[in-house]
Amino acid sequence: MSDTRGMSEAVLKDSKATLQSDIPETTAWKDFLALIKVGIVNSNIITAFTGVWLAIHFSELSFFSNLDVVFYALVGSALIMAGSCCFNNYFDRDIDHLMERTKNRPTVTGKAQPSKVLFLSFGLIAAGLIFLALTNMTTLLIGAFGVFAYVVLYTMVFKRRFVSNTIIGSISGAVPPLIGWAAIDPNLDVIAWVLFAIMFLWQPPHFYALAMRRVEEYRAAGIPMLPVIKGFKRTKKSILLWIIALMFIPFFLTPLGTPLVVLAALLSTGWLILGLKGYKNKNDIKWATSMFVYSLNYMTILFVAMVIVTLI
């Protein structure tokens, strides 16, 4: 009896040791960056900065004379996005261990206590809203709406219940350029809404491609992503439809000049051609990876180009 008990304790100890060895070694800073999803924050700061820059350009204002407003807008945007992502990690800690790309998050490994993560989330959001309030009320309201859309509508309501979760999540993802523009021009020119539309329409094909790559992980976690519920064929069709809708939006950017519109048209056409190849490509995962990478380049190149053309 004592030998059996000793063997059981040894097995349990070995199992715990194995689990611990599977957790990658990280620093507190790396854990913090994982909690705020720094990649998402960085990419959204690009679009927020573009909104600020173009608002200054079309309002014929001086960038350096408005450095304080630019600072408040970008820091505020970064903080509310970081806080919202932090809450997402807190809320999804019960399913993140089921997915390869999220299983090593601090909320899953136990390196971050849930209560502290929640406190950090609210603290970052509150600080971000204070910074946005230092610009004007319109910026504050747009930022607050972005937080609500991501934390409540997407994370708490739609993500686990509806296949339309990606579309709802795209609303909050399209808010940063509006925040940037509103900080300079609360009236929100048509160009500001064009930036919002580009970001909104860009996200479904981007995240559907990611969902195809991770379809079995989403299935295991019980998240009703489009590929899980409708399959790859329907997902490919949806991706193409969203790209086609996106192709027409940049033509409203004619005030930025013909070269920018041509670049946007070429980027969209290239994405569509790559999407059509998905019907011939027998390796759906490889195709989805190509679409995902292309989408990242599309967004980065287009928004950086919008800034560059104003300098020429």
C-alpha atoms as a PDB file:
ATOM      1  CA  MET A   1       0.000   0.000   0.000  1.00  0.00           C
ATOM      2  CA  SER A   2       2.764   2.429   0.949  1.00  0.00           C
ATOM      3  CA  ASP A   3       4.726   1.496  -2.190  1.00  0.00           C
ATOM      4  CA  THR A   4       1.699   2.214  -4.392  1.00  0.00           C
ATOM      5  CA  ARG A   5       1.097   5.535  -2.699  1.00  0.00           C
ATOM      6  CA  GLY A   6       4.735   6.436  -3.117  1.00  0.00           C
ATOM      7  CA  MET A   7       4.598   5.590  -6.810  1.00  0.00           C
ATOM      8  CA  SER A   8       1.440   7.726  -7.279  1.00  0.00           C
ATOM      9  CA  GLU A   9       3.073  10.692  -5.588  1.00  0.00           C
ATOM     10  CA  ALA A  10       6.127  10.275  -7.780  1.00  0.00           C
ATOM     11  CA  VAL A  11       3.997  10.195 -10.938  1.00  0.00           C
ATOM     12  CA  LEU A  12       2.109  13.303  -9.816  1.00  0.00           C
ATOM     13  CA  LYS A  13       5.368  15.092  -9.085  1.00  0.00           C
ATOM     14  CA  ASP A  14       6.733  14.130 -12.488  1.00  0.00           C
ATOM     15  CA  SER A  15       3.528  15.370 -14.181  1.00  0.00           C
ATOM     16  CA  LYS A  16       3.769  18.729 -12.445  1.00  0.00           C
ATOM     17  CA  ALA A  17       7.410  19.004 -13.404  1.00  0.00           C
ATOM     18  CA  THR A  18       6.520  18.254 -17.018  1.00  0.00           C
ATOM     19  CA  LEU A  19       3.801  20.908 -17.043  1.00  0.00           C
ATOM     20  CA  GLN A  20       6.188  23.449 -15.554  1.00  0.00           C
ATOM     21  CA  SER A  21       8.841  22.604 -18.118  1.00  0.00           C
ATOM     22  CA  ASP A  22       6.332  23.213 -20.913  1.00  0.00           C
ATOM     23  CA  ILE A  23       5.851  26.822 -19.795  1.00  0.00           C
ATOM     24  CA  PRO A  24       8.394  29.045 -21.551  1.00  0.00           C
ATOM     25  CA  GLU A  25      10.585  31.238 -19.379  1.00  0.00           C
ATOM     26  CA  THR A  26       9.610  34.896 -19.644  1.00  0.00           C
ATOM     27  CA  THR A  27      10.308  38.171 -17.920  1.00  0.00           C
ATOM     28  CA  ALA A  28       7.719  40.355 -16.216  1.00  0.00           C
ATOM     29  CA  TRP A  29       7.995  42.801 -19.119  1.00  0.00           C
ATOM     30  CA  LYS A  30       7.319  40.099 -21.705  1.00  0.00           C
ATOM     31  CA  ASP A  31       4.339  38.924 -19.690  1.00  0.00           C
ATOM     32  CA  PHE A  32       3.010  42.496 -19.618  1.00  0.00           C
ATOM     33  CA  LEU A  33       3.415  42.828 -23.390  1.00  0.00           C
ATOM     34  CA  ALA A  34       1.563  39.529 -23.841  1.00  0.00           C
ATOM     35  CA  LEU A  35      -1.282  40.722 -21.615  1.00  0.00           C
ATOM     36  CA  ILE A  36      -1.806  43.937 -23.593  1.00  0.00           C
ATOM     37  CA  LYS A  37      -1.305  42.146 -26.949  1.00  0.00           C
ATOM     38  CA  VAL A  38       1.389  44.580 -27.990  1.00  0.00           C
ATOM     39  CA  GLY A  39       1.209  43.526 -31.656  1.00  0.00           C
ATOM     40  CA  ILE A  40      -2.421  44.641 -31.888  1.00  0.00           C
ATOM     41  CA  VAL A  41      -1.642  47.869 -30.028  1.00  0.00           C
ATOM     42  CA  ASN A  42       1.242  48.699 -32.368  1.00  0.00           C
ATOM     43  CA  SER A  43      -0.742  48.069 -35.552  1.00  0.00           C
ATOM     44  CA  ASN A  44      -3.637  50.193 -34.318  1.00  0.00           C
ATOM     45  CA  ILE A  45      -1.294  53.028 -33.360  1.00  0.00           C
ATOM     46  CA  ILE A  46      -0.259  53.193 -37.029  1.00  0.00           C
ATOM     47  CA  THR A  47      -3.856  53.823 -38.096  1.00  0.00           C
ATOM     48  CA  ALA A  48      -4.457  56.269 -35.229  1.00  0.00           C
ATOM     49  CA  PHE A  49      -1.365  58.250 -36.211  1.00  0.00           C
ATOM     50  CA  THR A  50      -2.520  58.319 -39.833  1.00  0.00           C
ATOM     51  CA  GLY A  51      -5.824  59.784 -38.669  1.00  0.00           C
ATOM     52  CA  VAL A  52      -4.031  62.483 -36.659  1.00  0.00           C
ATOM     53  CA  TRP A  53      -1.615  63.279 -39.467  1.00  0.00           C
ATOM     54  CA  LEU A  54      -4.249  63.581 -42.191  1.00  0.00           C
ATOM     55  CA  ALA A  55      -6.489  65.724 -39.992  1.00  0.00           C
ATOM     56  CA  ILE A  56      -3.583  68.120 -39.459  1.00  0.00           C
ATOM     57  CA  HIS A  57      -2.793  68.054 -43.172  1.00  0.00           C
ATOM     58  CA  PHE A  58      -6.316  68.817 -44.384  1.00  0.00           C
ATOM     59  CA  SER A  59      -6.895  71.372 -41.621  1.00  0.00           C
ATOM     60  CA  GLU A  60      -3.696  73.102 -42.751  1.00  0.00           C
ATOM     61  CA  LEU A  61      -2.301  73.112 -39.227  1.00  0.00           C
ATOM     62  CA  SER A  62       1.259  72.702 -37.993  1.00  0.00           C
ATOM     63  CA  PHE A  63       2.207  69.248 -36.726  1.00  0.00           C
ATOM     64  CA  PHE A  64       4.771  70.594 -34.267  1.00  0.00           C
ATOM     65  CA  SER A  65       2.344  73.200 -32.936  1.00  0.00           C
ATOM     66  CA  ASN A  66      -0.047  70.366 -32.054  1.00  0.00           C
ATOM     67  CA  LEU A  67       2.440  67.935 -30.527  1.00  0.00           C
ATOM     68  CA  ASP A  68       0.580  67.971 -27.221  1.00  0.00           C
ATOM     69  CA  VAL A  69      -2.688  66.921 -28.869  1.00  0.00           C
ATOM     70  CA  VAL A  70      -0.904  64.275 -30.960  1.00  0.00           C
ATOM     71  CA  PHE A  71       0.724  62.925 -27.782  1.00  0.00           C
ATOM     72  CA  TYR A  72      -2.551  62.786 -25.845  1.00  0.00           C
ATOM     73  CA  ALA A  73      -4.366  61.103 -28.742  1.00  0.00           C
ATOM     74  CA  LEU A  74      -1.738  58.430 -29.417  1.00  0.00           C
ATOM     75  CA  VAL A  75      -0.996  57.643 -25.776  1.00  0.00           C
ATOM     76  CA  GLY A  76      -4.699  57.573 -24.965  1.00  0.00           C
ATOM     77  CA  SER A  77      -5.396  55.277 -27.915  1.00  0.00           C
ATOM     78  CA  ALA A  78      -2.568  52.934 -26.936  1.00  0.00           C
ATOM     79  CA  LEU A  79      -3.731  52.743 -23.327  1.00  0.00           C
ATOM     80  CA  ILE A  80      -7.397  52.010 -24.031  1.00  0.00           C
ATOM     81  CA  MET A  81      -6.408  49.371 -26.593  1.00  0.00           C
ATOM     82  CA  ALA A  82      -3.941  47.819 -24.166  1.00  0.00           C
ATOM     83  CA  GLY A  83      -6.534  47.804 -21.396  1.00  0.00           C
ATOM     84  CA  SER A  84      -9.205  46.306 -23.636  1.00  0.00           C
ATOM     85  CA  CYS A  85      -6.855  43.548 -24.804  1.00  0.00           C
ATOM     86  CA  CYS A  86      -5.879  42.923 -21.202  1.00  0.00           C
ATOM     87  CA  PHE A  87      -9.545  42.418 -20.311  1.00  0.00           C
ATOM     88  CA  ASN A  88      -9.887  40.032 -23.264  1.00  0.00           C
ATOM     89  CA  ASN A  89      -7.065  37.942 -21.801  1.00  0.00           C
ATOM     90  CA  TYR A  90      -8.750  37.992 -18.394  1.00  0.00           C
ATOM     91  CA  PHE A  91     -12.145  36.984 -19.766  1.00  0.00           C
ATOM     92  CA  ASP A  92     -10.842  34.239 -22.069  1.00  0.00           C
ATOM     93  CA  ARG A  93      -8.490  32.596 -19.581  1.00  0.00           C
ATOM     94  CA  ASP A  94     -10.822  29.594 -19.334  1.00  0.00           C
ATOM     95  CA  ILE A  95     -10.506  28.729 -23.041  1.00  0.00           C
ATOM     96  CA  ASP A  96      -7.081  30.083 -24.028  1.00  0.00           C
ATOM     97  CA  HIS A  97      -5.345  26.912 -22.861  1.00  0.00           C
ATOM     98  CA  LEU A  98      -7.163  25.036 -25.634  1.00  0.00           C
ATOM     99  CA  MET A  99      -5.473  27.039 -28.390  1.00  0.00           C
ATOM    100  CA  GLU A 100      -1.833  26.716 -29.398  1.00  0.00           C
ATOM    101  CA  ARG A 101      -1.325  30.435 -30.004  1.00  0.00           C
ATOM    102  CA  THR A 102      -2.833  31.463 -26.652  1.00  0.00           C
ATOM    103  CA  LYS A 103      -1.879  28.634 -24.302  1.00  0.00           C
ATOM    104  CA  ASN A 104       1.245  30.414 -23.037  1.00  0.00           C
ATOM    105  CA  ARG A 105      -0.449  33.662 -22.098  1.00  0.00           C
ATOM    106  CA  PRO A 106       0.298  34.716 -18.496  1.00  0.00           C
ATOM    107  CA  THR A 107      -3.374  34.324 -17.595  1.00  0.00           C
ATOM    108  CA  VAL A 108      -3.167  30.670 -18.645  1.00  0.00           C
ATOM    109  CA  THR A 109       0.226  29.740 -17.198  1.00  0.00           C
ATOM    110  CA  GLY A 110      -0.634  31.288 -13.851  1.00  0.00           C
ATOM    111  CA  LYS A 111       2.073  33.925 -14.008  1.00  0.00           C
ATOM    112  CA  ALA A 112      -0.567  36.645 -13.769  1.00  0.00           C
ATOM    113  CA  GLN A 113      -3.323  36.526 -11.163  1.00  0.00           C
ATOM    114  CA  PRO A 114      -6.800  37.166 -12.632  1.00  0.00           C
ATOM    115  CA  SER A 115      -7.646  39.871 -10.099  1.00  0.00           C
ATOM    116  CA  LYS A 116      -4.454  41.781 -10.901  1.00  0.00           C
ATOM    117  CA  VAL A 117      -5.056  41.426 -14.641  1.00  0.00           C
ATOM    118  CA  LEU A 118      -8.562  42.829 -14.231  1.00  0.00           C
ATOM    119  CA  PHE A 119      -7.238  45.714 -12.132  1.00  0.00           C
ATOM    120  CA  LEU A 120      -4.559  46.417 -14.762  1.00  0.00           C
ATOM    121  CA  SER A 121      -7.182  46.372 -17.492  1.00  0.00           C
ATOM    122  CA  PHE A 122      -9.433  48.924 -15.799  1.00  0.00           C
ATOM    123  CA  GLY A 123      -6.434  51.052 -14.852  1.00  0.00           C
ATOM    124  CA  LEU A 124      -5.127  51.220 -18.407  1.00  0.00           C
ATOM    125  CA  ILE A 125      -8.564  51.998 -19.847  1.00  0.00           C
ATOM    126  CA  ALA A 126      -9.184  54.737 -17.268  1.00  0.00           C
ATOM    127  CA  ALA A 127      -5.773  56.303 -17.919  1.00  0.00           C
ATOM    128  CA  GLY A 128      -6.354  56.134 -21.662  1.00  0.00           C
ATOM    129  CA  LEU A 129      -9.729  57.845 -21.423  1.00  0.00           C
ATOM    130  CA  ILE A 130      -8.190  60.619 -19.310  1.00  0.00           C
ATOM    131  CA  PHE A 131      -5.581  61.255 -22.003  1.00  0.00           C
ATOM    132  CA  LEU A 132      -8.277  61.316 -24.689  1.00  0.00           C
ATOM    133  CA  ALA A 133     -10.320  63.745 -22.590  1.00  0.00           C
ATOM    134  CA  LEU A 134      -7.364  66.147 -22.717  1.00  0.00           C
ATOM    135  CA  THR A 135      -8.018  66.546 -26.461  1.00  0.00           C
ATOM    136  CA  ASN A 136     -11.781  67.059 -26.734  1.00  0.00           C
ATOM    137  CA  MET A 137     -15.097  65.439 -25.856  1.00  0.00           C
ATOM    138  CA  THR A 138     -15.617  63.882 -29.290  1.00  0.00           C
ATOM    139  CA  THR A 139     -12.334  61.986 -29.022  1.00  0.00           C
ATOM    140  CA  LEU A 140     -13.247  60.795 -25.535  1.00  0.00           C
ATOM    141  CA  LEU A 141     -16.659  59.531 -26.656  1.00  0.00           C
ATOM    142  CA  ILE A 142     -15.232  57.708 -29.676  1.00  0.00           C
ATOM    143  CA  GLY A 143     -12.580  56.091 -27.488  1.00  0.00           C
ATOM    144  CA  ALA A 144     -15.172  55.034 -24.905  1.00  0.00           C
ATOM    145  CA  PHE A 145     -17.327  53.554 -27.662  1.00  0.00           C
ATOM    146  CA  GLY A 146     -14.312  51.618 -28.983  1.00  0.00           C
ATOM    147  CA  VAL A 147     -13.724  50.147 -25.530  1.00  0.00           C
ATOM    148  CA  PHE A 148     -17.394  49.210 -25.172  1.00  0.00           C
ATOM    149  CA  ALA A 149     -17.453  47.614 -28.620  1.00  0.00           C
ATOM    150  CA  TYR A 150     -14.407  45.433 -27.894  1.00  0.00           C
ATOM    151  CA  VAL A 151     -14.898  44.613 -24.211  1.00  0.00           C
ATOM    152  CA  VAL A 152     -18.676  44.216 -24.031  1.00  0.00           C
ATOM    153  CA  LEU A 153     -20.032  43.616 -27.519  1.00  0.00           C
ATOM    154  CA  TYR A 154     -17.177  41.487 -28.880  1.00  0.00           C
ATOM    155  CA  THR A 155     -15.461  39.815 -25.907  1.00  0.00           C
ATOM    156  CA  MET A 156     -18.393  39.293 -23.553  1.00  0.00           C
ATOM    157  CA  VAL A 157     -21.367  38.904 -25.899  1.00  0.00           C
ATOM    158  CA  PHE A 158     -20.598  37.929 -29.497  1.00  0.00           C
ATOM    159  CA  LYS A 159     -17.264  36.070 -29.513  1.00  0.00           C
ATOM    160  CA  ARG A 160     -18.529  32.820 -27.993  1.00  0.00           C
ATOM    161  CA  ARG A 161     -22.109  32.941 -29.245  1.00  0.00           C
ATOM    162  CA  PHE A 162     -22.374  34.181 -32.813  1.00  0.00           C
ATOM    163  CA  VAL A 163     -20.584  33.545 -36.097  1.00  0.00           C
ATOM    164  CA  SER A 164     -20.805  37.293 -36.717  1.00  0.00           C
ATOM    165  CA  ASN A 165     -18.270  37.848 -33.916  1.00  0.00           C
ATOM    166  CA  THR A 166     -15.566  38.878 -36.386  1.00  0.00           C
ATOM    167  CA  ILE A 167     -17.739  41.595 -37.907  1.00  0.00           C
ATOM    168  CA  ILE A 168     -18.612  42.985 -34.467  1.00  0.00           C
ATOM    169  CA  GLY A 169     -14.941  42.928 -33.492  1.00  0.00           C
ATOM    170  CA  SER A 170     -14.145  44.888 -36.645  1.00  0.00           C
ATOM    171  CA  ILE A 171     -16.072  47.873 -35.312  1.00  0.00           C
ATOM    172  CA  SER A 172     -13.644  48.463 -32.456  1.00  0.00           C
ATOM    173  CA  GLY A 173     -10.689  47.765 -34.731  1.00  0.00           C
ATOM    174  CA  ALA A 174     -11.799  50.537 -37.073  1.00  0.00           C
ATOM    175  CA  VAL A 175     -12.057  53.179 -34.346  1.00  0.00           C
ATOM    176  CA  PRO A 176      -8.353  54.238 -33.948  1.00  0.00           C
ATOM    177  CA  PRO A 177      -8.156  56.435 -37.089  1.00  0.00           C
ATOM    178  CA  LEU A 178     -11.384  58.141 -35.997  1.00  0.00           C
ATOM    179  CA  ILE A 179      -9.847  58.842 -32.586  1.00  0.00           C
ATOM    180  CA  GLY A 180      -6.761  60.290 -34.236  1.00  0.00           C
ATOM    181  CA  TRP A 181      -8.751  62.513 -36.576  1.00  0.00           C
ATOM    182  CA  ALA A 182     -11.211  63.693 -33.921  1.00  0.00           C
ATOM    183  CA  ALA A 183      -8.345  64.839 -31.683  1.00  0.00           C
ATOM    184  CA  ILE A 184      -7.544  67.490 -34.318  1.00  0.00           C
ATOM    185  CA  ASP A 185     -10.919  67.945 -36.018  1.00  0.00           C
ATOM    186  CA  PRO A 186     -13.955  66.917 -33.921  1.00  0.00           C
ATOM    187  CA  ASN A 187     -16.215  67.470 -36.925  1.00  0.00           C
ATOM    188  CA  LEU A 188     -14.854  64.309 -38.586  1.00  0.00           C
ATOM    189  CA  ASP A 189     -14.361  65.035 -42.280  1.00  0.00           C
ATOM    190  CA  VAL A 190     -15.422  62.489 -44.915  1.00  0.00           C
ATOM    191  CA  ILE A 191     -11.821  61.277 -45.134  1.00  0.00           C
ATOM    192  CA  ALA A 192     -11.996  60.235 -41.473  1.00  0.00           C
ATOM    193  CA  TRP A 193     -14.971  57.986 -42.215  1.00  0.00           C
ATOM    194  CA  VAL A 194     -13.172  56.593 -45.272  1.00  0.00           C
ATOM    195  CA  LEU A 195     -10.317  55.523 -42.981  1.00  0.00           C
ATOM    196  CA  PHE A 196     -12.875  53.919 -40.667  1.00  0.00           C
ATOM    197  CA  ALA A 197     -14.485  52.096 -43.601  1.00  0.00           C
ATOM    198  CA  ILE A 198     -11.134  50.812 -44.868  1.00  0.00           C
ATOM    199  CA  MET A 199     -10.236  49.403 -41.461  1.00  0.00           C
ATOM    200  CA  PHE A 200     -13.706  47.916 -40.953  1.00  0.00           C
ATOM    201  CA  LEU A 201     -13.776  46.148 -44.336  1.00  0.00           C
ATOM    202  CA  TRP A 202     -10.140  45.034 -44.070  1.00  0.00           C
ATOM    203  CA  GLN A 203     -10.578  43.077 -40.854  1.00  0.00           C
ATOM    204  CA  PRO A 204     -13.021  40.268 -41.818  1.00  0.00           C
ATOM    205  CA  PRO A 205     -10.830  38.854 -44.638  1.00  0.00           C
ATOM    206  CA  HIS A 206      -7.775  39.301 -42.412  1.00  0.00           C
ATOM    207  CA  PHE A 207      -9.256  37.424 -39.450  1.00  0.00           C
ATOM    208  CA  TYR A 208     -11.097  34.844 -41.551  1.00  0.00           C
ATOM    209  CA  ALA A 209      -7.731  33.849 -43.024  1.00  0.00           C
ATOM    210  CA  LEU A 210      -6.328  33.554 -39.510  1.00  0.00           C
ATOM    211  CA  ALA A 211      -9.355  31.509 -38.443  1.00  0.00           C
ATOM    212  CA  MET A 212      -8.783  29.082 -41.327  1.00  0.00           C
ATOM    213  CA  ARG A 213      -5.209  28.565 -40.184  1.00  0.00           C
ATOM    214  CA  ARG A 214      -6.356  27.947 -36.599  1.00  0.00           C
ATOM    215  CA  VAL A 215      -9.709  26.309 -37.334  1.00  0.00           C
ATOM    216  CA  GLU A 216      -9.162  23.225 -35.162  1.00  0.00           C
ATOM    217  CA  GLU A 217      -8.046  25.368 -32.226  1.00  0.00           C
ATOM    218  CA  TYR A 218     -11.148  27.528 -32.482  1.00  0.00           C
ATOM    219  CA  ARG A 219     -13.255  24.377 -32.772  1.00  0.00           C
ATOM    220  CA  ALA A 220     -11.686  22.939 -29.629  1.00  0.00           C
ATOM    221  CA  ALA A 221     -12.283  26.195 -27.760  1.00  0.00           C
ATOM    222  CA  GLY A 222     -15.911  26.313 -28.894  1.00  0.00           C
ATOM    223  CA  ILE A 223     -15.563  29.665 -30.637  1.00  0.00           C
ATOM    224  CA  PRO A 224     -18.024  29.891 -33.592  1.00  0.00           C
ATOM    225  CA  MET A 225     -15.655  31.346 -36.162  1.00  0.00           C
ATOM    226  CA  LEU A 226     -16.869  31.259 -39.771  1.00  0.00           C
ATOM    227  CA  PRO A 227     -14.599  28.361 -40.888  1.00  0.00           C
ATOM    228  CA  VAL A 228     -15.750  26.314 -37.889  1.00  0.00           C
ATOM    229  CA  ILE A 229     -19.468  26.818 -38.504  1.00  0.00           C
ATOM    230  CA  LYS A 230     -19.683  27.215 -42.301  1.00  0.00           C
ATOM    231  CA  GLY A 231     -16.528  25.498 -43.548  1.00  0.00           C
ATOM    232  CA  PHE A 232     -13.644  26.616 -45.774  1.00  0.00           C
ATOM    233  CA  LYS A 233     -15.664  26.972 -48.989  1.00  0.00           C
ATOM    234  CA  ARG A 234     -18.061  29.502 -47.457  1.00  0.00           C
ATOM    235  CA  THR A 235     -15.171  31.286 -45.727  1.00  0.00           C
ATOM    236  CA  LYS A 236     -13.281  31.708 -49.016  1.00  0.00           C
ATOM    237  CA  LYS A 237     -16.383  33.194 -50.619  1.00  0.00           C
ATOM    238  CA  SER A 238     -16.860  35.622 -47.739  1.00  0.00           C
ATOM    239  CA  ILE A 239     -13.218  36.683 -47.911  1.00  0.00           C
ATOM    240  CA  LEU A 240     -13.572  37.527 -51.594  1.00  0.00           C
ATOM    241  CA  LEU A 241     -16.789  39.486 -51.034  1.00  0.00           C
ATOM    242  CA  TRP A 242     -15.202  41.594 -48.292  1.00  0.00           C
ATOM    243  CA  ILE A 243     -12.150  42.303 -50.469  1.00  0.00           C
ATOM    244  CA  ILE A 244     -14.375  43.338 -53.383  1.00  0.00           C
ATOM    245  CA  ALA A 245     -16.288  45.718 -51.097  1.00  0.00           C
ATOM    246  CA  LEU A 246     -12.986  47.133 -49.854  1.00  0.00           C
ATOM    247  CA  MET A 247     -11.697  47.768 -53.385  1.00  0.00           C
ATOM    248  CA  PHE A 248     -14.070  50.689 -53.964  1.00  0.00           C
ATOM    249  CA  ILE A 249     -13.419  52.620 -50.734  1.00  0.00           C
ATOM    250  CA  PRO A 250      -9.917  54.012 -51.475  1.00  0.00           C
ATOM    251  CA  PHE A 251     -11.318  55.850 -54.511  1.00  0.00           C
ATOM    252  CA  PHE A 252     -12.764  58.310 -51.990  1.00  0.00           C
ATOM    253  CA  LEU A 253      -9.168  59.224 -51.129  1.00  0.00           C
ATOM    254  CA  THR A 254      -8.697  61.284 -54.310  1.00  0.00           C
ATOM    255  CA  PRO A 255      -7.849  64.398 -52.222  1.00  0.00           C
ATOM    256  CA  LEU A 256      -4.609  62.589 -51.385  1.00  0.00           C
ATOM    257  CA  GLY A 257      -3.709  62.383 -55.063  1.00  0.00           C
ATOM    258  CA  THR A 258      -3.901  59.935 -57.949  1.00  0.00           C
ATOM    259  CA  PRO A 259      -0.712  57.980 -57.025  1.00  0.00           C
ATOM    260  CA  LEU A 260      -2.236  57.006 -53.661  1.00  0.00           C
ATOM    261  CA  VAL A 261      -5.486  55.872 -55.273  1.00  0.00           C
ATOM    262  CA  VAL A 262      -3.558  53.855 -57.880  1.00  0.00           C
ATOM    263  CA  LEU A 263      -1.472  52.221 -55.144  1.00  0.00           C
ATOM    264  CA  ALA A 264      -4.617  51.312 -53.219  1.00  0.00           C
ATOM    265  CA  ALA A 265      -6.188  49.865 -56.372  1.00  0.00           C
ATOM    266  CA  LEU A 266      -3.091  47.764 -57.069  1.00  0.00           C
ATOM    267  CA  LEU A 267      -2.973  46.490 -53.501  1.00  0.00           C
ATOM    268  CA  SER A 268      -6.660  45.540 -53.600  1.00  0.00           C
ATOM    269  CA  THR A 269      -6.343  43.893 -57.014  1.00  0.00           C
ATOM    270  CA  GLY A 270      -3.370  41.863 -55.858  1.00  0.00           C
ATOM    271  CA  TRP A 271      -5.286  40.719 -52.799  1.00  0.00           C
ATOM    272  CA  LEU A 272      -8.291  39.756 -54.930  1.00  0.00           C
ATOM    273  CA  ILE A 273      -6.135  37.783 -57.388  1.00  0.00           C
ATOM    274  CA  LEU A 274      -4.503  35.942 -54.507  1.00  0.00           C
ATOM    275  CA  GLY A 275      -7.967  35.256 -53.116  1.00  0.00           C
ATOM    276  CA  LEU A 276      -9.205  33.812 -56.406  1.00  0.00           C
ATOM    277  CA  LYS A 277      -6.243  31.450 -56.428  1.00  0.00           C
ATOM    278  CA  GLY A 278      -7.736  29.921 -53.327  1.00  0.00           C
ATOM    279  CA  TYR A 279     -10.235  28.063 -55.510  1.00  0.00           C
ATOM    280  CA  LYS A 280      -7.389  26.335 -57.343  1.00  0.00           C
ATOM    281  CA  ASN A 281      -5.029  25.865 -54.415  1.00  0.00           C
ATOM    282  CA  LYS A 282      -5.553  22.440 -52.858  1.00  0.00           C
ATOM    283  CA  ASN A 283      -3.694  23.445 -49.692  1.00  0.00           C
ATOM    284  CA  ASP A 284      -6.227  25.673 -47.926  1.00  0.00           C
ATOM    285  CA  ILE A 285      -3.994  26.330 -44.925  1.00  0.00           C
ATOM    286  CA  LYS A 286      -1.086  27.456 -47.085  1.00  0.00           C
ATOM    287  CA  TRP A 287      -3.422  29.734 -49.039  1.00  0.00           C
ATOM    288  CA  ALA A 288      -4.895  31.162 -45.829  1.00  0.00           C
ATOM    289  CA  THR A 289      -1.390  31.912 -44.568  1.00  0.00           C
ATOM    290  CA  SER A 290      -0.587  33.798 -47.777  1.00  0.00           C
ATOM    291  CA  MET A 291      -3.828  35.774 -47.467  1.00  0.00           C
ATOM    292  CA  PHE A 292      -3.100  36.604 -43.841  1.00  0.00           C
ATOM    293  CA  VAL A 293       0.418  37.858 -44.582  1.00  0.00           C
ATOM    294  CA  TYR A 294      -0.812  39.862 -47.580  1.00  0.00           C
ATOM    295  CA  SER A 295      -3.491  41.523 -45.464  1.00  0.00           C
ATOM    296  CA  LEU A 296      -0.878  42.733 -42.982  1.00  0.00           C
ATOM    297  CA  ASN A 297       1.222  44.197 -45.778  1.00  0.00           C
ATOM    298  CA  TYR A 298      -1.867  45.781 -47.350  1.00  0.00           C
ATOM    299  CA  MET A 299      -2.805  47.670 -44.211  1.00  0.00           C
ATOM    300  CA  THR A 300       0.732  48.756 -43.341  1.00  0.00           C
ATOM    301  CA  ILE A 301       1.686  49.898 -46.844  1.00  0.00           C
ATOM    302  CA  LEU A 302      -1.566  51.767 -47.469  1.00  0.00           C
ATOM    303  CA  PHE A 303      -1.648  53.688 -44.191  1.00  0.00           C
ATOM    304  CA  VAL A 304       2.057  54.555 -44.296  1.00  0.00           C
ATOM    305  CA  ALA A 305       1.629  55.680 -47.917  1.00  0.00           C
ATOM    306  CA  MET A 306      -1.158  58.051 -46.884  1.00  0.00           C
ATOM    307  CA  VAL A 307       1.327  59.866 -44.686  1.00  0.00           C
ATOM    308  CA  ILE A 308       4.133  59.823 -47.241  1.00  0.00           C
ATOM    309  CA  VAL A 309       2.093  61.352 -50.077  1.00  0.00           C
ATOM    310  CA  THR A 310       1.349  64.407 -47.941  1.00  0.00           C
ATOM    311  CA  LEU A 311       5.102  65.009 -47.604  1.00  0.00           C
ATOM    312  CA  ILE A 312       5.841  64.969 -51.327  1.00  0.00           C
END
